[in-house]
N, C-alpha and C. Protein backbone atom coordinates (compact mmCIF):
# COMPACT_ATOMS: atom_id res chain seq x y z
N UNK A 1 -17.98 -9.06 -20.43
CA UNK A 1 -16.93 -9.48 -19.53
C UNK A 1 -17.53 -9.63 -18.14
N UNK A 2 -17.34 -10.80 -17.53
CA UNK A 2 -17.91 -11.01 -16.20
C UNK A 2 -16.99 -10.46 -15.11
N UNK A 3 -17.50 -10.48 -13.86
CA UNK A 3 -16.78 -9.87 -12.74
C UNK A 3 -15.45 -10.56 -12.49
N UNK A 4 -15.44 -11.90 -12.52
CA UNK A 4 -14.18 -12.59 -12.24
C UNK A 4 -13.15 -12.33 -13.33
N UNK A 5 -13.58 -12.19 -14.57
CA UNK A 5 -12.66 -11.86 -15.66
C UNK A 5 -12.07 -10.46 -15.47
N UNK A 6 -12.90 -9.53 -15.01
CA UNK A 6 -12.41 -8.18 -14.73
C UNK A 6 -11.38 -8.20 -13.60
N UNK A 7 -11.63 -9.01 -12.58
CA UNK A 7 -10.69 -9.11 -11.45
C UNK A 7 -9.36 -9.70 -11.91
N UNK A 8 -9.42 -10.70 -12.76
CA UNK A 8 -8.20 -11.32 -13.26
C UNK A 8 -7.40 -10.31 -14.07
N UNK A 9 -8.08 -9.58 -14.95
CA UNK A 9 -7.37 -8.59 -15.77
C UNK A 9 -6.81 -7.45 -14.91
N UNK A 10 -7.57 -7.03 -13.89
CA UNK A 10 -7.07 -5.99 -12.99
C UNK A 10 -5.83 -6.49 -12.25
N UNK A 11 -5.90 -7.71 -11.72
CA UNK A 11 -4.76 -8.28 -11.00
C UNK A 11 -3.56 -8.45 -11.93
N UNK A 12 -3.82 -8.89 -13.16
CA UNK A 12 -2.72 -9.06 -14.10
C UNK A 12 -2.14 -7.72 -14.52
N UNK A 13 -3.00 -6.71 -14.61
CA UNK A 13 -2.52 -5.35 -14.90
C UNK A 13 -1.59 -4.86 -13.80
N UNK A 14 -1.96 -5.13 -12.56
CA UNK A 14 -1.12 -4.77 -11.42
C UNK A 14 0.21 -5.53 -11.50
N UNK A 15 0.15 -6.81 -11.82
CA UNK A 15 1.38 -7.61 -11.98
C UNK A 15 2.26 -7.02 -13.09
N UNK A 16 1.66 -6.61 -14.18
CA UNK A 16 2.43 -6.07 -15.31
C UNK A 16 3.19 -4.81 -14.89
N UNK A 17 2.52 -3.96 -14.11
CA UNK A 17 3.19 -2.76 -13.60
C UNK A 17 4.39 -3.17 -12.73
N UNK A 18 4.19 -4.13 -11.84
CA UNK A 18 5.30 -4.62 -11.00
C UNK A 18 6.40 -5.22 -11.86
N UNK A 19 6.03 -5.94 -12.90
CA UNK A 19 7.02 -6.57 -13.78
C UNK A 19 7.92 -5.53 -14.42
N UNK A 20 7.36 -4.39 -14.81
CA UNK A 20 8.18 -3.33 -15.40
C UNK A 20 9.00 -2.60 -14.34
N UNK A 21 8.52 -2.60 -13.10
CA UNK A 21 9.26 -1.94 -12.03
C UNK A 21 10.49 -2.74 -11.59
N UNK A 22 10.46 -4.05 -11.73
CA UNK A 22 11.57 -4.89 -11.24
C UNK A 22 12.92 -4.48 -11.83
N UNK A 23 13.08 -4.41 -13.16
CA UNK A 23 14.39 -3.98 -13.68
C UNK A 23 14.79 -2.58 -13.21
N UNK A 24 13.80 -1.68 -13.12
CA UNK A 24 14.10 -0.31 -12.68
C UNK A 24 14.54 -0.28 -11.23
N UNK A 25 13.86 -1.03 -10.39
CA UNK A 25 14.23 -1.08 -8.96
C UNK A 25 15.61 -1.70 -8.80
N UNK A 26 15.91 -2.74 -9.56
CA UNK A 26 17.24 -3.35 -9.50
C UNK A 26 18.30 -2.32 -9.90
N UNK A 27 18.06 -1.63 -10.99
CA UNK A 27 19.03 -0.64 -11.47
C UNK A 27 19.26 0.45 -10.42
N UNK A 28 18.19 1.11 -10.01
CA UNK A 28 18.33 2.24 -9.09
C UNK A 28 18.74 1.79 -7.69
N UNK A 29 18.30 0.60 -7.27
CA UNK A 29 18.71 0.08 -5.97
C UNK A 29 20.21 -0.17 -5.91
N UNK A 30 20.76 -0.75 -6.95
CA UNK A 30 22.20 -1.00 -7.00
C UNK A 30 22.98 0.29 -7.22
N UNK A 31 22.43 1.18 -8.01
CA UNK A 31 23.11 2.44 -8.31
C UNK A 31 23.28 3.31 -7.07
N UNK A 32 22.34 3.23 -6.13
CA UNK A 32 22.41 4.08 -4.93
C UNK A 32 23.35 3.53 -3.87
N UNK A 33 23.70 2.25 -3.91
CA UNK A 33 24.64 1.67 -2.94
C UNK A 33 26.04 1.76 -3.54
N UNK A 34 26.87 2.62 -2.98
CA UNK A 34 28.20 2.85 -3.55
C UNK A 34 29.07 1.60 -3.60
N UNK A 35 28.76 0.62 -2.75
CA UNK A 35 29.53 -0.61 -2.75
C UNK A 35 29.30 -1.42 -4.02
N UNK A 36 28.08 -1.39 -4.54
CA UNK A 36 27.73 -2.24 -5.68
C UNK A 36 27.25 -1.45 -6.90
N UNK A 37 27.42 -0.15 -6.90
CA UNK A 37 26.89 0.66 -8.00
C UNK A 37 27.44 0.25 -9.37
N UNK A 38 28.63 -0.30 -9.40
CA UNK A 38 29.20 -0.72 -10.69
C UNK A 38 28.48 -1.94 -11.27
N UNK A 39 27.71 -2.62 -10.44
CA UNK A 39 26.97 -3.80 -10.92
C UNK A 39 25.54 -3.45 -11.33
N UNK A 40 25.21 -2.17 -11.41
CA UNK A 40 23.84 -1.79 -11.73
C UNK A 40 23.39 -2.26 -13.11
N UNK A 41 24.34 -2.62 -13.96
CA UNK A 41 23.99 -3.11 -15.30
C UNK A 41 23.30 -4.48 -15.27
N UNK A 42 23.26 -5.14 -14.13
CA UNK A 42 22.58 -6.44 -14.06
C UNK A 42 21.07 -6.30 -14.22
N UNK A 43 20.55 -5.07 -14.20
CA UNK A 43 19.11 -4.86 -14.43
C UNK A 43 18.67 -5.54 -15.72
N UNK A 44 19.59 -5.58 -16.68
CA UNK A 44 19.29 -6.15 -17.99
C UNK A 44 18.82 -7.60 -17.89
N UNK A 45 19.34 -8.35 -16.94
CA UNK A 45 18.99 -9.77 -16.81
C UNK A 45 17.58 -9.97 -16.26
N UNK A 46 16.91 -8.88 -15.87
CA UNK A 46 15.54 -8.97 -15.37
C UNK A 46 14.51 -8.60 -16.44
N UNK A 47 14.94 -8.32 -17.64
CA UNK A 47 14.06 -7.95 -18.75
C UNK A 47 13.03 -9.05 -19.08
N UNK A 48 13.35 -10.35 -18.95
CA UNK A 48 12.32 -11.36 -19.27
C UNK A 48 11.04 -11.22 -18.44
N UNK A 49 11.11 -10.60 -17.27
CA UNK A 49 9.90 -10.45 -16.46
C UNK A 49 8.89 -9.54 -17.17
N UNK A 50 9.24 -8.30 -17.55
CA UNK A 50 8.24 -7.49 -18.26
C UNK A 50 7.91 -8.02 -19.65
N UNK A 51 8.87 -8.64 -20.32
CA UNK A 51 8.57 -9.22 -21.63
C UNK A 51 7.52 -10.33 -21.48
N UNK A 52 7.70 -11.16 -20.46
CA UNK A 52 6.72 -12.22 -20.19
C UNK A 52 5.35 -11.64 -19.86
N UNK A 53 5.33 -10.51 -19.15
CA UNK A 53 4.05 -9.87 -18.82
C UNK A 53 3.35 -9.37 -20.08
N UNK A 54 4.11 -8.77 -21.01
CA UNK A 54 3.53 -8.27 -22.26
C UNK A 54 3.00 -9.44 -23.10
N UNK A 55 3.79 -10.50 -23.20
CA UNK A 55 3.33 -11.68 -23.96
C UNK A 55 2.10 -12.28 -23.29
N UNK A 56 2.11 -12.27 -21.96
CA UNK A 56 0.95 -12.76 -21.22
C UNK A 56 -0.30 -11.96 -21.52
N UNK A 57 -0.16 -10.64 -21.63
CA UNK A 57 -1.31 -9.79 -22.00
C UNK A 57 -1.86 -10.19 -23.37
N UNK A 58 -0.97 -10.44 -24.29
CA UNK A 58 -1.40 -10.84 -25.64
C UNK A 58 -2.28 -12.10 -25.57
N UNK A 59 -1.82 -13.09 -24.82
CA UNK A 59 -2.57 -14.35 -24.74
C UNK A 59 -3.83 -14.22 -23.88
N UNK A 60 -3.78 -13.42 -22.85
CA UNK A 60 -4.96 -13.27 -22.00
C UNK A 60 -6.05 -12.52 -22.75
N UNK A 61 -5.68 -11.56 -23.59
CA UNK A 61 -6.67 -10.82 -24.39
C UNK A 61 -7.31 -11.71 -25.46
N UNK A 62 -6.55 -12.69 -25.91
CA UNK A 62 -7.07 -13.65 -26.91
C UNK A 62 -7.77 -14.82 -26.24
N UNK A 63 -7.80 -14.79 -24.90
CA UNK A 63 -8.43 -15.84 -24.08
C UNK A 63 -7.78 -17.21 -24.31
N UNK A 64 -6.47 -17.19 -24.54
CA UNK A 64 -5.69 -18.43 -24.70
C UNK A 64 -4.95 -18.68 -23.39
N UNK A 65 -5.68 -19.20 -22.43
CA UNK A 65 -5.17 -19.33 -21.06
C UNK A 65 -3.97 -20.27 -20.99
N UNK A 66 -3.99 -21.38 -21.71
CA UNK A 66 -2.86 -22.30 -21.63
C UNK A 66 -1.58 -21.65 -22.17
N UNK A 67 -1.68 -20.85 -23.23
CA UNK A 67 -0.50 -20.15 -23.75
C UNK A 67 -0.06 -19.04 -22.80
N UNK A 68 -1.05 -18.41 -22.16
CA UNK A 68 -0.74 -17.40 -21.14
C UNK A 68 0.08 -18.03 -20.01
N UNK A 69 -0.38 -19.16 -19.51
CA UNK A 69 0.33 -19.84 -18.41
C UNK A 69 1.71 -20.29 -18.87
N UNK A 70 1.81 -20.81 -20.09
CA UNK A 70 3.10 -21.23 -20.62
C UNK A 70 4.05 -20.04 -20.74
N UNK A 71 3.58 -18.92 -21.25
CA UNK A 71 4.46 -17.75 -21.41
C UNK A 71 4.92 -17.24 -20.04
N UNK A 72 4.05 -17.23 -19.06
CA UNK A 72 4.43 -16.79 -17.72
C UNK A 72 5.44 -17.76 -17.10
N UNK A 73 5.19 -19.04 -17.26
CA UNK A 73 6.09 -20.06 -16.72
C UNK A 73 7.49 -19.94 -17.34
N UNK A 74 7.54 -19.82 -18.65
CA UNK A 74 8.84 -19.69 -19.33
C UNK A 74 9.54 -18.40 -18.92
N UNK A 75 8.77 -17.33 -18.75
CA UNK A 75 9.35 -16.06 -18.31
C UNK A 75 9.99 -16.20 -16.93
N UNK A 76 9.29 -16.85 -16.02
CA UNK A 76 9.83 -17.03 -14.67
C UNK A 76 11.04 -17.95 -14.67
N UNK A 77 10.99 -19.02 -15.43
CA UNK A 77 12.14 -19.93 -15.50
C UNK A 77 13.36 -19.21 -16.05
N UNK A 78 13.18 -18.48 -17.16
CA UNK A 78 14.29 -17.73 -17.75
C UNK A 78 14.81 -16.67 -16.78
N UNK A 79 13.92 -15.97 -16.12
CA UNK A 79 14.32 -14.93 -15.15
C UNK A 79 15.13 -15.53 -14.01
N UNK A 80 14.67 -16.65 -13.48
CA UNK A 80 15.42 -17.30 -12.40
C UNK A 80 16.78 -17.78 -12.86
N UNK A 81 16.84 -18.36 -14.05
CA UNK A 81 18.11 -18.81 -14.59
C UNK A 81 19.08 -17.63 -14.73
N UNK A 82 18.62 -16.55 -15.34
CA UNK A 82 19.48 -15.39 -15.54
C UNK A 82 19.88 -14.75 -14.21
N UNK A 83 18.98 -14.75 -13.25
CA UNK A 83 19.31 -14.20 -11.94
C UNK A 83 20.45 -14.98 -11.31
N UNK A 84 20.31 -16.31 -11.25
CA UNK A 84 21.32 -17.13 -10.56
C UNK A 84 22.61 -17.30 -11.37
N UNK A 85 22.52 -17.23 -12.69
CA UNK A 85 23.71 -17.41 -13.53
C UNK A 85 24.45 -16.11 -13.84
N UNK A 86 23.73 -15.00 -13.92
CA UNK A 86 24.35 -13.75 -14.35
C UNK A 86 24.33 -12.66 -13.27
N UNK A 87 23.14 -12.30 -12.81
CA UNK A 87 23.01 -11.15 -11.90
C UNK A 87 23.59 -11.42 -10.52
N UNK A 88 23.16 -12.49 -9.88
CA UNK A 88 23.60 -12.77 -8.52
C UNK A 88 25.12 -12.93 -8.41
N UNK A 89 25.78 -13.72 -9.27
CA UNK A 89 27.24 -13.83 -9.14
C UNK A 89 27.97 -12.49 -9.30
N UNK A 90 27.45 -11.63 -10.16
CA UNK A 90 28.10 -10.33 -10.37
C UNK A 90 28.03 -9.48 -9.11
N UNK A 91 26.87 -9.45 -8.47
CA UNK A 91 26.71 -8.65 -7.24
C UNK A 91 27.41 -9.33 -6.07
N UNK A 92 27.30 -10.65 -5.98
CA UNK A 92 27.91 -11.37 -4.86
C UNK A 92 29.43 -11.21 -4.88
N UNK A 93 30.02 -11.17 -6.04
CA UNK A 93 31.47 -11.04 -6.14
C UNK A 93 32.02 -9.73 -5.59
N UNK A 94 31.15 -8.79 -5.33
CA UNK A 94 31.58 -7.49 -4.81
C UNK A 94 31.61 -7.46 -3.28
N UNK A 95 31.00 -8.44 -2.62
CA UNK A 95 30.91 -8.40 -1.16
C UNK A 95 32.28 -8.56 -0.51
N UNK A 96 32.43 -8.08 0.73
CA UNK A 96 33.75 -8.11 1.38
C UNK A 96 34.29 -9.51 1.63
N UNK A 97 33.41 -10.47 1.82
CA UNK A 97 33.89 -11.84 2.05
C UNK A 97 34.59 -12.33 0.79
N UNK A 98 33.93 -12.20 -0.35
CA UNK A 98 34.55 -12.63 -1.61
C UNK A 98 35.82 -11.83 -1.90
N UNK A 99 35.79 -10.54 -1.58
CA UNK A 99 36.93 -9.68 -1.85
C UNK A 99 38.14 -9.92 -0.98
N UNK A 100 37.94 -10.56 0.15
CA UNK A 100 39.07 -10.77 1.07
C UNK A 100 39.50 -12.22 1.21
N UNK A 101 38.86 -13.12 0.52
CA UNK A 101 39.21 -14.54 0.66
C UNK A 101 40.67 -14.82 0.30
N UNK A 102 41.20 -14.13 -0.69
CA UNK A 102 42.61 -14.38 -1.06
C UNK A 102 43.56 -14.00 0.07
N UNK A 103 43.18 -13.07 0.92
CA UNK A 103 44.01 -12.68 2.06
C UNK A 103 43.95 -13.74 3.16
N UNK A 104 42.83 -14.43 3.27
CA UNK A 104 42.59 -15.32 4.40
C UNK A 104 42.69 -16.81 4.10
N UNK A 105 42.63 -17.18 2.85
CA UNK A 105 42.47 -18.59 2.50
C UNK A 105 43.49 -19.52 3.17
N UNK A 106 44.74 -19.20 3.19
CA UNK A 106 45.77 -20.08 3.79
C UNK A 106 46.26 -19.58 5.14
N UNK A 107 45.49 -18.74 5.78
CA UNK A 107 45.87 -18.17 7.07
C UNK A 107 45.52 -19.15 8.18
N UNK A 108 46.54 -19.64 8.90
CA UNK A 108 46.31 -20.61 9.97
C UNK A 108 45.84 -19.93 11.24
N UNK A 109 46.49 -18.85 11.63
CA UNK A 109 46.11 -18.13 12.84
C UNK A 109 45.11 -17.05 12.47
N UNK A 110 43.85 -17.40 12.56
CA UNK A 110 42.78 -16.49 12.16
C UNK A 110 41.70 -16.50 13.24
N UNK A 111 41.34 -15.31 13.68
CA UNK A 111 40.27 -15.15 14.66
C UNK A 111 39.39 -13.99 14.24
N UNK A 112 38.25 -13.89 14.91
CA UNK A 112 37.47 -12.67 14.71
C UNK A 112 37.25 -12.03 16.06
N UNK A 113 37.18 -10.71 16.02
CA UNK A 113 37.01 -9.94 17.25
C UNK A 113 35.58 -9.40 17.31
N UNK A 114 34.84 -9.91 18.26
CA UNK A 114 33.46 -9.52 18.58
C UNK A 114 32.44 -9.85 17.51
N UNK A 115 32.64 -9.41 16.28
CA UNK A 115 31.67 -9.66 15.22
C UNK A 115 32.38 -9.84 13.87
N UNK A 116 31.75 -10.63 13.01
CA UNK A 116 32.22 -10.75 11.64
C UNK A 116 31.05 -11.17 10.76
N UNK A 117 31.22 -11.05 9.49
CA UNK A 117 30.23 -11.53 8.54
C UNK A 117 30.24 -13.06 8.61
N UNK A 118 29.11 -13.69 8.95
CA UNK A 118 29.09 -15.15 9.10
C UNK A 118 29.38 -15.92 7.81
N UNK A 119 29.35 -15.26 6.68
CA UNK A 119 29.66 -15.93 5.42
C UNK A 119 31.11 -16.39 5.35
N UNK A 120 31.97 -15.83 6.21
CA UNK A 120 33.37 -16.29 6.22
C UNK A 120 33.46 -17.77 6.56
N UNK A 121 32.66 -18.22 7.49
CA UNK A 121 32.72 -19.63 7.90
C UNK A 121 32.37 -20.53 6.72
N UNK A 122 31.34 -20.17 6.00
CA UNK A 122 30.93 -20.95 4.83
C UNK A 122 32.00 -20.91 3.74
N UNK A 123 32.50 -19.72 3.44
CA UNK A 123 33.46 -19.57 2.34
C UNK A 123 34.84 -20.12 2.67
N UNK A 124 35.27 -20.01 3.91
CA UNK A 124 36.56 -20.56 4.29
C UNK A 124 36.47 -22.05 4.62
N UNK A 125 35.25 -22.54 4.78
CA UNK A 125 34.97 -23.93 5.11
C UNK A 125 35.70 -24.39 6.37
N UNK A 126 35.63 -23.49 7.37
CA UNK A 126 36.19 -23.83 8.67
C UNK A 126 35.65 -22.86 9.71
N UNK A 127 35.75 -23.25 10.94
CA UNK A 127 35.33 -22.36 12.02
C UNK A 127 36.41 -21.32 12.26
N UNK A 128 35.97 -20.13 12.60
CA UNK A 128 36.90 -19.05 12.94
C UNK A 128 36.63 -18.72 14.41
N UNK A 129 37.62 -18.95 15.28
CA UNK A 129 37.41 -18.70 16.71
C UNK A 129 37.10 -17.23 17.00
N UNK A 130 36.26 -17.04 18.00
CA UNK A 130 35.87 -15.69 18.41
C UNK A 130 36.66 -15.23 19.63
N UNK A 131 36.98 -13.96 19.65
CA UNK A 131 37.59 -13.33 20.82
C UNK A 131 36.69 -12.15 21.16
N UNK A 132 36.27 -12.08 22.43
CA UNK A 132 35.27 -11.10 22.82
C UNK A 132 35.81 -9.94 23.66
N UNK A 133 37.04 -10.02 24.13
CA UNK A 133 37.56 -8.91 24.94
C UNK A 133 38.91 -8.44 24.40
N UNK A 134 39.20 -7.19 24.65
CA UNK A 134 40.46 -6.60 24.20
C UNK A 134 41.65 -7.28 24.87
N UNK A 135 41.51 -7.62 26.14
CA UNK A 135 42.59 -8.31 26.86
C UNK A 135 42.86 -9.69 26.24
N UNK A 136 41.80 -10.43 25.96
CA UNK A 136 41.96 -11.75 25.33
C UNK A 136 42.62 -11.64 23.95
N UNK A 137 42.24 -10.61 23.20
CA UNK A 137 42.85 -10.39 21.89
C UNK A 137 44.33 -10.07 22.04
N UNK A 138 44.65 -9.25 22.99
CA UNK A 138 46.05 -8.88 23.24
C UNK A 138 46.89 -10.11 23.57
N UNK A 139 46.37 -10.96 24.45
CA UNK A 139 47.08 -12.20 24.82
C UNK A 139 47.22 -13.13 23.61
N UNK A 140 46.17 -13.25 22.82
CA UNK A 140 46.21 -14.10 21.63
C UNK A 140 47.27 -13.61 20.65
N UNK A 141 47.30 -12.30 20.43
CA UNK A 141 48.26 -11.74 19.47
C UNK A 141 49.70 -11.91 19.93
N UNK A 142 49.95 -11.91 21.23
CA UNK A 142 51.31 -12.15 21.75
C UNK A 142 51.74 -13.58 21.48
N UNK A 143 50.80 -14.52 21.57
CA UNK A 143 51.11 -15.93 21.33
C UNK A 143 51.11 -16.29 19.84
N UNK A 144 50.40 -15.49 19.03
CA UNK A 144 50.27 -15.76 17.60
C UNK A 144 50.59 -14.48 16.82
N UNK A 145 51.86 -14.15 16.68
CA UNK A 145 52.24 -12.89 16.03
C UNK A 145 51.89 -12.80 14.54
N UNK A 146 51.63 -13.93 13.91
CA UNK A 146 51.28 -13.92 12.48
C UNK A 146 49.76 -13.97 12.25
N UNK A 147 49.00 -13.78 13.30
CA UNK A 147 47.54 -13.90 13.20
C UNK A 147 46.93 -12.75 12.40
N UNK A 148 45.79 -13.06 11.82
CA UNK A 148 44.95 -12.05 11.19
C UNK A 148 43.64 -12.00 11.99
N UNK A 149 43.07 -10.80 12.07
CA UNK A 149 41.86 -10.59 12.85
C UNK A 149 40.79 -10.00 11.93
N UNK A 150 39.64 -10.67 11.88
CA UNK A 150 38.48 -10.17 11.13
C UNK A 150 37.56 -9.50 12.14
N UNK A 151 37.00 -8.38 11.75
CA UNK A 151 36.07 -7.71 12.65
C UNK A 151 35.25 -6.68 11.89
N UNK A 152 34.66 -5.77 12.66
CA UNK A 152 33.92 -4.64 12.11
C UNK A 152 34.69 -3.36 12.41
N UNK A 153 34.54 -2.38 11.59
CA UNK A 153 35.27 -1.13 11.75
C UNK A 153 34.98 -0.46 13.09
N UNK A 154 33.80 -0.68 13.63
CA UNK A 154 33.43 -0.06 14.90
C UNK A 154 34.34 -0.49 16.05
N UNK A 155 35.08 -1.59 15.89
CA UNK A 155 35.99 -2.07 16.94
C UNK A 155 37.45 -1.75 16.62
N UNK A 156 37.69 -0.88 15.68
CA UNK A 156 39.03 -0.55 15.20
C UNK A 156 39.97 -0.12 16.33
N UNK A 157 39.54 0.79 17.19
CA UNK A 157 40.41 1.28 18.26
C UNK A 157 40.77 0.17 19.23
N UNK A 158 39.83 -0.69 19.56
CA UNK A 158 40.10 -1.79 20.48
C UNK A 158 41.13 -2.75 19.88
N UNK A 159 40.99 -3.06 18.59
CA UNK A 159 41.91 -3.99 17.93
C UNK A 159 43.32 -3.40 17.90
N UNK A 160 43.42 -2.15 17.52
CA UNK A 160 44.73 -1.51 17.45
C UNK A 160 45.35 -1.37 18.83
N UNK A 161 44.54 -1.17 19.85
CA UNK A 161 45.07 -1.06 21.22
C UNK A 161 45.51 -2.42 21.77
N UNK A 162 44.95 -3.50 21.23
CA UNK A 162 45.31 -4.84 21.70
C UNK A 162 46.69 -5.27 21.24
N UNK A 163 47.19 -4.67 20.21
CA UNK A 163 48.51 -5.02 19.68
C UNK A 163 48.88 -4.07 18.56
N UNK A 164 50.06 -4.22 18.07
CA UNK A 164 50.52 -3.35 16.98
C UNK A 164 49.96 -3.90 15.68
N UNK A 165 48.73 -3.52 15.35
CA UNK A 165 48.01 -4.08 14.20
C UNK A 165 47.87 -3.05 13.09
N UNK A 166 47.92 -3.53 11.85
CA UNK A 166 47.71 -2.66 10.69
C UNK A 166 46.53 -3.19 9.88
N UNK A 167 45.80 -2.28 9.32
CA UNK A 167 44.65 -2.61 8.50
C UNK A 167 45.12 -3.12 7.14
N UNK A 168 44.65 -4.31 6.75
CA UNK A 168 45.02 -4.85 5.44
C UNK A 168 43.82 -4.96 4.50
N UNK A 169 42.61 -4.79 5.06
CA UNK A 169 41.41 -4.87 4.23
C UNK A 169 40.28 -4.12 4.92
N UNK A 170 39.51 -3.38 4.11
CA UNK A 170 38.33 -2.67 4.63
C UNK A 170 37.33 -2.53 3.50
N UNK A 171 36.09 -2.96 3.76
CA UNK A 171 35.04 -2.81 2.76
C UNK A 171 33.68 -2.87 3.43
N UNK A 172 32.79 -2.01 2.97
CA UNK A 172 31.42 -1.99 3.47
C UNK A 172 30.72 -3.26 3.02
N UNK A 173 29.94 -3.85 3.92
CA UNK A 173 29.18 -5.04 3.56
C UNK A 173 28.10 -4.68 2.54
N UNK A 174 27.85 -5.57 1.61
CA UNK A 174 26.88 -5.34 0.56
C UNK A 174 25.47 -5.24 1.15
N UNK A 175 24.77 -4.16 0.84
CA UNK A 175 23.40 -3.90 1.26
C UNK A 175 23.23 -3.81 2.77
N UNK A 176 24.30 -3.62 3.49
CA UNK A 176 24.25 -3.48 4.95
C UNK A 176 25.15 -2.32 5.34
N UNK A 177 25.00 -1.87 6.58
CA UNK A 177 25.81 -0.73 7.02
C UNK A 177 27.17 -1.10 7.63
N UNK A 178 27.36 -2.31 8.22
CA UNK A 178 28.68 -2.59 8.80
C UNK A 178 29.81 -2.58 7.77
N UNK A 179 31.00 -2.29 8.25
CA UNK A 179 32.20 -2.30 7.42
C UNK A 179 33.11 -3.41 7.94
N UNK A 180 33.41 -4.36 7.08
CA UNK A 180 34.29 -5.47 7.44
C UNK A 180 35.73 -5.00 7.36
N UNK A 181 36.52 -5.36 8.37
CA UNK A 181 37.95 -5.01 8.39
C UNK A 181 38.76 -6.27 8.72
N UNK A 182 39.98 -6.28 8.22
CA UNK A 182 40.94 -7.35 8.54
C UNK A 182 42.25 -6.68 8.93
N UNK A 183 42.80 -7.13 10.06
CA UNK A 183 44.06 -6.61 10.57
C UNK A 183 45.08 -7.73 10.66
N UNK A 184 46.35 -7.33 10.57
CA UNK A 184 47.44 -8.24 10.83
C UNK A 184 48.49 -7.46 11.64
N UNK A 185 49.39 -8.22 12.23
CA UNK A 185 50.44 -7.58 13.03
C UNK A 185 51.34 -6.73 12.14
N UNK A 186 51.74 -5.59 12.67
CA UNK A 186 52.64 -4.69 11.93
C UNK A 186 53.99 -5.36 11.76
N UNK A 187 54.64 -5.14 10.63
CA UNK A 187 55.96 -5.77 10.40
C UNK A 187 57.03 -5.20 11.30
């Protein structure tokens, strides 16, 4: 065995270890985030990565490089397909934007206070005006009593002080620390 062959096998051995770690990291990574822990079963859709690595070892040991490349290519294609078709939609559906769209979809008077998850603009397919001060929010709410306000939990006291507002939605952002909140005027 020559030096370059040893390097290739060493590098592929390292890749194989990483390939087996991917499903485990997905499982434990999702399991530790309380927002998405119920989706930890998506680790299963990453199994083609280590299977492709094992098949690749078989072909590399037999020095069948074209079959090795084909098995790796098919493994990556299948993994990407399963990621985008199965795993990603399951985890994405748990995020606060997806979880609150039914509350906001037909809401005409909608603003955000100081900060919001930018995915709202994409998902609602419209701009959401920003309000940056408590006084401006108070004036807006007097003129628009049916308005809903998207923001972060850290601004809760300011929003409630701007008007008689009640919390209608609260959820931690997926894989992030902010908590998305939605308020509406109290009945």
